[in-house]
């Protein structure tokens, strides 16, 4: 990621507000779409789940890259997430996985955004909205095959489908469900059987079941997969004991880096950060970075977080502040570290790598939470072949050439 700020300006993109950024490799998105789609039988379809701003990486740019690479549709969690994609000019299929409030259903129909019927109550809401004068509203029906969180129970499916089919302003498209534990093949097969029996009752509707984990465990029997975390080159948590990104054929999509705003040699006894949480026990070389918990660096990582500088691991020391953190570089063998060096939080430096899973483990959480914790003031820099093609920051999206 070295040189990103300079490459951005060479590409005639707006300079970063500060030297801290998430790099999102759009060519890796394309690689992963192709690799994951290849795990389905011939003719299968890969839909990409880009909820929560594409897991924090920027839904608009990621959607374009995924659709261009062969993804069939973009799935999101909320109506405003779908509207953002339409407003940005995404014309491919967009569907919402969770309930859309009745106030937005006319807009959904007008914009060609699919919605989900996830309970009898939601079916009643769909039937109660006046959709006259609009294209038919595309509806997918979620079936509860065992997750117990949402969906229409199998014994209620026929009646709910009949009710929806009685409304000419609604176009039913599919039934779908979600696995409870993709790593448990036996349990997943039982859910697959429940959905197959439900599909027999409504044979003219598409059916789909698996996400990233299910694609990697029972994908050979599926025609459709909805992938989220695997799209970003991350193996689902429960599958890591048996799979790696390399064995799956996917690549890490994102990295996080910053450049120092100060490098100072502090005397013995000097404090670092509020508290002070760290007091130098020897003369110490301390790097200050312009990034903090307001950007998605966990406040609780003090004393456990590491970064990479020129291929050397260094500890984060002192209190993690809203806008800054500090690194102890005293033991770094290089004596010429400068403010032009790149400090890597996630990514590769030399032969050393910090993966999203490494960050998740030290935070005692899952990888999904790592990237979704990135806040919107942290610039996303989109690259192809290492060259920036777009930047998203608080000022909006900025592209090289036509959008």
Protein backbone atom coordinates (compact mmCIF):
# COMPACT_ATOMS: atom_id res chain seq x y z
CA UNK A 1 0.00 0.00 0.00
CA UNK A 2 3.05 2.25 -0.04
CA UNK A 3 2.58 5.38 -2.12
CA UNK A 4 -1.22 5.44 -2.11
CA UNK A 5 -1.51 9.18 -1.28
CA UNK A 6 0.85 10.07 -4.14
CA UNK A 7 -0.84 7.68 -6.57
CA UNK A 8 -4.20 9.24 -5.74
CA UNK A 9 -2.98 12.67 -6.77
CA UNK A 10 -1.30 11.29 -9.89
CA UNK A 11 -4.71 9.86 -10.85
CA UNK A 12 -6.23 13.36 -10.51
CA UNK A 13 -8.35 12.21 -7.58
CA UNK A 14 -8.89 14.49 -4.57
CA UNK A 15 -6.11 14.30 -2.00
CA UNK A 16 -6.91 12.43 1.20
CA UNK A 17 -8.01 14.55 4.12
CA UNK A 18 -5.31 12.78 6.15
CA UNK A 19 -2.88 9.99 5.50
CA UNK A 20 -5.06 7.10 6.66
CA UNK A 21 -7.02 4.86 4.33
CA UNK A 22 -8.68 1.53 3.60
CA UNK A 23 -7.53 0.10 0.29
CA UNK A 24 -10.20 -1.96 -1.49
CA UNK A 25 -8.83 -4.05 -4.35
CA UNK A 26 -11.54 -4.20 -6.98
CA UNK A 27 -9.58 -6.69 -9.05
CA UNK A 28 -9.62 -9.03 -6.03
CA UNK A 29 -13.41 -8.62 -5.87
CA UNK A 30 -13.57 -9.77 -9.50
CA UNK A 31 -11.23 -12.70 -8.81
CA UNK A 32 -13.35 -13.81 -5.87
CA UNK A 33 -16.62 -13.56 -7.79
CA UNK A 34 -15.23 -15.86 -10.45
CA UNK A 35 -13.68 -18.29 -7.95
CA UNK A 36 -16.83 -18.59 -5.86
CA UNK A 37 -19.16 -18.85 -8.83
CA UNK A 38 -17.02 -21.70 -10.15
CA UNK A 39 -17.95 -23.73 -7.05
CA UNK A 40 -21.57 -23.90 -8.20
CA UNK A 41 -22.75 -26.39 -10.81
CA UNK A 42 -22.65 -25.18 -14.40
CA UNK A 43 -25.28 -22.52 -14.98
CA UNK A 44 -25.45 -21.55 -11.31
CA UNK A 45 -25.92 -17.98 -10.12
CA UNK A 46 -23.89 -16.03 -7.59
CA UNK A 47 -25.63 -13.17 -5.75
CA UNK A 48 -23.51 -10.87 -3.58
CA UNK A 49 -24.58 -9.68 -0.14
CA UNK A 50 -23.46 -6.07 0.25
CA UNK A 51 -25.35 -5.11 3.38
CA UNK A 52 -23.80 -2.72 5.92
CA UNK A 53 -22.12 -0.72 3.14
CA UNK A 54 -20.58 -3.86 1.63
CA UNK A 55 -19.29 -4.94 5.05
CA UNK A 56 -17.88 -1.46 5.53
CA UNK A 57 -15.97 -1.28 2.25
CA UNK A 58 -18.37 0.83 0.15
CA UNK A 59 -21.40 -0.73 -1.50
CA UNK A 60 -21.46 1.33 -4.69
CA UNK A 61 -17.94 0.60 -5.91
CA UNK A 62 -18.04 -3.02 -4.76
CA UNK A 63 -21.42 -3.59 -6.43
CA UNK A 64 -20.11 -2.32 -9.75
CA UNK A 65 -17.04 -4.54 -9.56
CA UNK A 66 -19.02 -7.64 -8.55
CA UNK A 67 -21.71 -7.23 -11.22
CA UNK A 68 -19.11 -6.57 -13.90
CA UNK A 69 -17.32 -9.78 -12.86
CA UNK A 70 -20.43 -11.94 -13.25
CA UNK A 71 -22.47 -11.65 -10.07
CA UNK A 72 -26.17 -11.85 -10.86
CA UNK A 73 -27.67 -9.57 -8.20
CA UNK A 74 -26.88 -7.41 -5.19
CA UNK A 75 -28.59 -8.18 -1.88
CA UNK A 76 -28.80 -5.67 0.98
CA UNK A 77 -30.46 -5.50 4.38
CA UNK A 78 -32.41 -2.24 4.24
CA UNK A 79 -34.36 -0.17 1.77
CA UNK A 80 -32.06 2.84 2.02
CA UNK A 81 -29.09 0.62 1.22
CA UNK A 82 -30.89 -0.43 -1.95
CA UNK A 83 -31.86 3.14 -2.79
CA UNK A 84 -28.24 4.24 -2.46
CA UNK A 85 -27.29 1.75 -5.17
CA UNK A 86 -30.06 2.89 -7.50
CA UNK A 87 -29.24 6.56 -6.90
CA UNK A 88 -25.63 5.80 -7.82
CA UNK A 89 -26.69 4.32 -11.15
CA UNK A 90 -26.55 0.61 -10.33
CA UNK A 91 -29.07 -0.88 -12.77
CA UNK A 92 -28.59 -4.59 -12.03
CA UNK A 93 -30.98 -6.58 -9.83
CA UNK A 94 -31.10 -5.27 -6.25
CA UNK A 95 -33.07 -7.00 -3.49
CA UNK A 96 -33.67 -6.31 0.20
CA UNK A 97 -33.38 -9.27 2.57
CA UNK A 98 -35.24 -7.79 5.55
CA UNK A 99 -38.67 -6.20 5.97
CA UNK A 100 -39.25 -3.00 4.04
CA UNK A 101 -41.66 -0.63 5.78
CA UNK A 102 -44.95 -0.03 3.92
CA UNK A 103 -44.03 3.64 3.45
CA UNK A 104 -41.24 2.57 1.06
CA UNK A 105 -42.99 -0.15 -0.93
CA UNK A 106 -44.24 2.13 -3.72
CA UNK A 107 -40.72 3.49 -4.14
CA UNK A 108 -39.35 -0.06 -4.20
CA UNK A 109 -41.72 -0.98 -7.03
CA UNK A 110 -40.90 2.19 -8.94
CA UNK A 111 -37.15 1.61 -8.64
CA UNK A 112 -37.29 -2.11 -9.39
CA UNK A 113 -36.05 -3.10 -5.94
CA UNK A 114 -37.09 -6.54 -4.75
CA UNK A 115 -38.42 -7.02 -1.22
CA UNK A 116 -38.83 -9.96 1.15
CA UNK A 117 -41.98 -11.41 2.72
CA UNK A 118 -40.56 -12.71 5.98
CA UNK A 119 -43.69 -13.37 8.06
CA UNK A 120 -47.48 -13.43 7.73
CA UNK A 121 -47.51 -9.92 9.20
CA UNK A 122 -45.25 -8.69 6.40
CA UNK A 123 -47.46 -10.42 3.84
CA UNK A 124 -50.43 -8.46 5.21
CA UNK A 125 -48.43 -5.25 4.88
CA UNK A 126 -47.59 -6.05 1.26
CA UNK A 127 -51.23 -6.77 0.46
CA UNK A 128 -52.36 -3.57 2.16
CA UNK A 129 -50.29 -1.17 0.07
CA UNK A 130 -51.71 0.48 -3.06
CA UNK A 131 -49.22 -0.27 -5.84
CA UNK A 132 -51.47 0.82 -8.72
CA UNK A 133 -49.81 2.51 -11.65
CA UNK A 134 -46.43 0.95 -10.91
CA UNK A 135 -44.52 -2.07 -12.23
CA UNK A 136 -45.32 -5.19 -10.20
CA UNK A 137 -43.40 -5.33 -6.93
CA UNK A 138 -40.89 -8.21 -6.96
CA UNK A 139 -41.22 -10.30 -3.80
CA UNK A 140 -39.07 -13.10 -2.41
CA UNK A 141 -40.47 -15.27 0.38
CA UNK A 142 -38.22 -16.23 3.26
CA UNK A 143 -38.93 -19.69 4.68
CA UNK A 144 -37.89 -20.67 8.21
CA UNK A 145 -36.17 -24.03 7.77
CA UNK A 146 -34.57 -24.04 11.20
CA UNK A 147 -32.83 -20.75 11.97
CA UNK A 148 -35.81 -19.67 14.07
CA UNK A 149 -35.14 -15.98 13.54
CA UNK A 150 -37.39 -14.97 10.68
CA UNK A 151 -39.32 -16.41 7.79
CA UNK A 152 -42.63 -18.09 7.06
CA UNK A 153 -43.00 -21.56 8.54
CA UNK A 154 -43.24 -24.34 5.92
CA UNK A 155 -46.78 -25.30 6.95
CA UNK A 156 -47.93 -21.72 6.30
CA UNK A 157 -46.20 -21.30 2.95
CA UNK A 158 -48.95 -22.40 0.56
CA UNK A 159 -51.53 -20.08 2.12
CA UNK A 160 -49.17 -17.09 2.11
CA UNK A 161 -48.16 -17.69 -1.50
CA UNK A 162 -51.82 -17.94 -2.50
CA UNK A 163 -52.59 -14.66 -0.77
CA UNK A 164 -49.75 -12.86 -2.53
CA UNK A 165 -50.64 -14.38 -5.89
CA UNK A 166 -54.11 -12.99 -5.50
CA UNK A 167 -52.67 -9.50 -5.91
CA UNK A 168 -51.79 -8.65 -9.52
CA UNK A 169 -49.53 -5.82 -8.34
CA UNK A 170 -47.11 -8.33 -6.79
CA UNK A 171 -44.73 -10.62 -8.71
CA UNK A 172 -43.43 -13.56 -6.69
CA UNK A 173 -39.87 -14.49 -7.62
CA UNK A 174 -38.39 -16.99 -5.18
CA UNK A 175 -38.41 -18.72 -1.83
CA UNK A 176 -35.24 -18.76 0.21
CA UNK A 177 -33.86 -19.72 3.59
CA UNK A 178 -30.69 -19.40 5.64
CA UNK A 179 -28.46 -22.05 7.21
CA UNK A 180 -27.99 -22.13 10.97
CA UNK A 181 -24.52 -23.73 10.95
CA UNK A 182 -23.00 -24.10 7.50
CA UNK A 183 -20.04 -26.03 8.91
CA UNK A 184 -22.45 -28.76 10.10
CA UNK A 185 -23.14 -30.61 6.87
CA UNK A 186 -25.73 -32.95 8.38
CA UNK A 187 -27.77 -30.07 9.79
CA UNK A 188 -27.42 -28.17 6.54
CA UNK A 189 -28.67 -31.14 4.54
CA UNK A 190 -31.74 -31.34 6.79
CA UNK A 191 -32.50 -27.69 6.10
CA UNK A 192 -31.91 -28.29 2.40
CA UNK A 193 -34.49 -31.08 2.54
CA UNK A 194 -37.04 -28.84 4.27
CA UNK A 195 -36.61 -26.16 1.63
CA UNK A 196 -36.82 -28.68 -1.21
CA UNK A 197 -40.13 -29.99 0.17
CA UNK A 198 -41.41 -26.44 0.42
CA UNK A 199 -40.31 -25.75 -3.15
CA UNK A 200 -42.32 -28.70 -4.41
CA UNK A 201 -45.44 -26.92 -3.16
CA UNK A 202 -44.58 -23.83 -5.23
CA UNK A 203 -42.70 -25.36 -8.18
CA UNK A 204 -42.63 -22.25 -10.36
CA UNK A 205 -40.56 -20.21 -7.87
CA UNK A 206 -36.79 -20.19 -7.64
CA UNK A 207 -35.35 -21.45 -4.35
CA UNK A 208 -32.00 -20.77 -2.71
CA UNK A 209 -30.41 -21.57 0.63
CA UNK A 210 -26.68 -21.04 1.01
CA UNK A 211 -24.43 -18.14 1.90
CA UNK A 212 -20.63 -18.11 1.92
CA UNK A 213 -20.32 -21.00 4.36
CA UNK A 214 -22.95 -23.14 2.70
CA UNK A 215 -21.41 -22.62 -0.73
CA UNK A 216 -18.13 -23.94 0.61
CA UNK A 217 -19.65 -27.00 2.30
CA UNK A 218 -22.70 -28.10 0.28
CA UNK A 219 -22.35 -25.93 -2.80
CA UNK A 220 -22.17 -28.85 -5.19
CA UNK A 221 -25.93 -29.41 -4.82
CA UNK A 222 -26.93 -25.75 -5.09
CA UNK A 223 -27.73 -23.65 -8.14
CA UNK A 224 -27.65 -20.31 -6.35
CA UNK A 225 -25.48 -18.88 -3.58
CA UNK A 226 -25.66 -15.59 -1.69
CA UNK A 227 -22.11 -14.73 -0.68
CA UNK A 228 -21.02 -12.05 1.74
CA UNK A 229 -17.82 -12.41 3.74
CA UNK A 230 -16.13 -14.80 1.28
CA UNK A 231 -16.46 -12.17 -1.44
CA UNK A 232 -13.91 -10.13 0.52
CA UNK A 233 -11.39 -12.96 0.68
CA UNK A 234 -12.23 -13.99 4.23
CA UNK A 235 -13.02 -17.57 5.21
CA UNK A 236 -16.19 -17.81 7.35
CA UNK A 237 -15.24 -18.16 11.01
CA UNK A 238 -16.49 -21.69 11.60
CA UNK A 239 -14.73 -23.07 8.51
CA UNK A 240 -11.22 -21.85 9.31
CA UNK A 241 -10.09 -25.11 10.92
CA UNK A 242 -10.47 -26.86 7.55
CA UNK A 243 -10.15 -24.16 4.88
CA UNK A 244 -7.95 -21.23 3.95
CA UNK A 245 -8.39 -18.45 1.43
CA UNK A 246 -5.67 -20.06 -0.67
CA UNK A 247 -7.37 -23.46 -0.77
CA UNK A 248 -10.65 -21.80 -1.73
CA UNK A 249 -8.98 -19.63 -4.36
CA UNK A 250 -10.01 -16.26 -2.97
CA UNK A 251 -7.87 -13.20 -2.23
CA UNK A 252 -7.91 -10.66 0.58
CA UNK A 253 -9.73 -7.60 -0.73
CA UNK A 254 -8.95 -4.89 1.80
CA UNK A 255 -6.17 -3.43 3.87
CA UNK A 256 -5.88 -0.62 6.39
CA UNK A 257 -2.88 1.70 6.63
CA UNK A 258 -1.74 5.14 7.75
CA UNK A 259 1.33 7.35 7.73
CA UNK A 260 2.86 8.92 10.84
CA UNK A 261 2.20 12.50 11.81
CA UNK A 262 5.13 12.44 14.26
CA UNK A 263 8.12 10.29 15.12
CA UNK A 264 9.76 11.33 18.38
CA UNK A 265 12.41 9.96 20.71
CA UNK A 266 11.11 10.29 24.26
CA UNK A 267 13.26 10.06 27.41
CA UNK A 268 12.92 7.43 30.11
CA UNK A 269 9.90 8.15 32.30
CA UNK A 270 8.00 10.05 29.62
CA UNK A 271 4.30 9.20 29.41
CA UNK A 272 2.43 8.36 26.21
CA UNK A 273 -1.30 8.99 25.90
CA UNK A 274 -4.02 9.68 28.43
CA UNK A 275 -3.36 8.33 31.89
CA UNK A 276 -0.59 7.94 30.89
CA UNK A 277 -1.35 4.38 29.89
CA UNK A 278 2.27 3.85 28.85
CA UNK A 279 5.42 5.20 30.51
CA UNK A 280 8.74 4.76 28.72
CA UNK A 281 11.04 2.48 30.72
CA UNK A 282 13.91 3.43 28.41
CA UNK A 283 14.54 6.03 25.75
CA UNK A 284 11.76 5.20 23.29
CA UNK A 285 11.00 6.00 19.66
CA UNK A 286 7.25 6.66 19.46
CA UNK A 287 5.24 6.94 16.23
CA UNK A 288 1.96 8.87 16.32
CA UNK A 289 -0.68 8.01 13.72
CA UNK A 290 -3.73 10.06 12.66
CA UNK A 291 -6.26 7.30 13.25
CA UNK A 292 -8.20 6.18 16.31
CA UNK A 293 -11.33 4.64 17.73
CA UNK A 294 -13.50 7.04 15.72
CA UNK A 295 -12.22 5.22 12.63
CA UNK A 296 -12.82 1.67 13.78
CA UNK A 297 -9.68 0.90 15.78
CA UNK A 298 -11.00 -0.70 18.94
CA UNK A 299 -10.35 1.25 22.13
CA UNK A 300 -9.80 -2.08 23.88
CA UNK A 301 -6.89 -3.12 21.64
CA UNK A 302 -4.42 -1.20 23.79
CA UNK A 303 -1.62 -3.51 24.77
CA UNK A 304 -2.56 -6.24 22.27
CA UNK A 305 -2.67 -4.61 18.83
CA UNK A 306 0.25 -4.81 16.42
CA UNK A 307 1.14 -3.04 13.19
CA UNK A 308 3.72 -3.57 10.46
CA UNK A 309 6.39 -1.10 9.40
CA UNK A 310 8.86 -2.17 6.70
CA UNK A 311 8.02 -5.78 7.45
CA UNK A 312 8.58 -5.52 11.20
CA UNK A 313 5.86 -6.04 13.81
CA UNK A 314 5.52 -3.21 16.33
CA UNK A 315 3.20 -2.86 19.34
CA UNK A 316 0.49 -0.27 19.82
CA UNK A 317 1.15 1.45 23.16
CA UNK A 318 -0.67 4.06 25.21
CA UNK A 319 -4.37 4.87 25.20
CA UNK A 320 -6.14 4.60 21.86
CA UNK A 321 -7.71 8.02 21.37
CA UNK A 322 -10.51 9.19 19.11
CA UNK A 323 -8.13 10.55 16.46
CA UNK A 324 -4.74 9.01 17.20
CA UNK A 325 -2.80 5.99 18.36
CA UNK A 326 0.86 5.54 19.21
CA UNK A 327 3.35 2.86 18.21
CA UNK A 328 6.56 1.85 19.98
CA UNK A 329 9.21 1.66 17.27
CA UNK A 330 12.21 1.56 19.63
CA UNK A 331 13.22 -1.94 18.56
CA UNK A 332 12.77 -1.39 14.84
CA UNK A 333 16.16 -2.08 13.20
CA UNK A 334 15.84 0.84 10.76
CA UNK A 335 17.20 4.13 12.07
CA UNK A 336 15.74 6.20 9.24
CA UNK A 337 11.97 5.80 9.74
CA UNK A 338 10.14 8.90 8.55
CA UNK A 339 6.65 10.31 8.18
CA UNK A 340 6.63 8.83 4.65
CA UNK A 341 6.69 5.26 5.95
CA UNK A 342 3.47 3.26 5.75
CA UNK A 343 2.14 1.69 8.93
CA UNK A 344 -0.02 -1.34 8.12
CA UNK A 345 -2.88 -2.39 10.41
CA UNK A 346 -4.32 -4.94 7.96
CA UNK A 347 -2.36 -6.13 4.95
CA UNK A 348 1.17 -7.03 3.94
CA UNK A 349 4.49 -5.33 4.65
CA UNK A 350 7.58 -7.15 3.47
CA UNK A 351 7.02 -10.83 4.19
CA UNK A 352 4.76 -10.18 7.18
CA UNK A 353 0.96 -10.12 6.92
CA UNK A 354 -1.81 -9.11 9.29
CA UNK A 355 -5.08 -10.63 8.14
CA UNK A 356 -8.59 -9.52 9.14
CA UNK A 357 -8.87 -12.75 11.14
CA UNK A 358 -5.79 -11.77 13.18
CA UNK A 359 -7.52 -8.53 14.17
CA UNK A 360 -10.74 -10.39 14.94
CA UNK A 361 -8.97 -12.89 17.18
CA UNK A 362 -7.29 -10.25 19.31
CA UNK A 363 -10.61 -8.39 19.62
CA UNK A 364 -12.36 -11.67 20.48
CA UNK A 365 -14.92 -11.12 17.75
CA UNK A 366 -15.65 -12.24 14.17
CA UNK A 367 -14.12 -10.92 10.96
CA UNK A 368 -17.42 -9.38 9.84
CA UNK A 369 -17.13 -6.89 12.69
CA UNK A 370 -13.62 -5.79 11.71
CA UNK A 371 -14.49 -4.11 8.42
CA UNK A 372 -17.99 -3.03 9.45
CA UNK A 373 -16.37 -1.07 12.28
CA UNK A 374 -14.63 1.24 9.79
CA UNK A 375 -16.43 4.58 10.04
CA UNK A 376 -17.36 6.78 7.11
CA UNK A 377 -14.69 9.38 7.83
CA UNK A 378 -11.99 6.82 7.00
CA UNK A 379 -11.31 7.12 3.28
CA UNK A 380 -11.82 4.08 1.06
CA UNK A 381 -9.37 3.97 -1.83
CA UNK A 382 -10.39 1.65 -4.67
CA UNK A 383 -7.56 0.18 -6.72
CA UNK A 384 -7.09 -2.00 -9.78
CA UNK A 385 -3.63 -3.42 -10.24
CA UNK A 386 -2.47 -1.29 -7.33
CA UNK A 387 -3.54 1.96 -9.01
CA UNK A 388 -6.31 4.09 -7.48
CA UNK A 389 -9.42 4.39 -9.65
CA UNK A 390 -11.80 5.88 -7.07
CA UNK A 391 -11.90 7.38 -3.60
CA UNK A 392 -14.80 7.62 -1.19
CA UNK A 393 -14.63 9.95 1.78
CA UNK A 394 -16.98 12.34 3.57
CA UNK A 395 -17.11 14.42 0.40
CA UNK A 396 -18.60 11.53 -1.56
CA UNK A 397 -17.39 9.20 -4.32
CA UNK A 398 -14.72 10.42 -6.74
CA UNK A 399 -13.86 8.41 -9.87
CA UNK A 400 -11.19 8.37 -12.53
CA UNK A 401 -13.02 8.88 -15.80
CA UNK A 402 -16.71 8.06 -16.36
CA UNK A 403 -18.68 6.77 -13.39
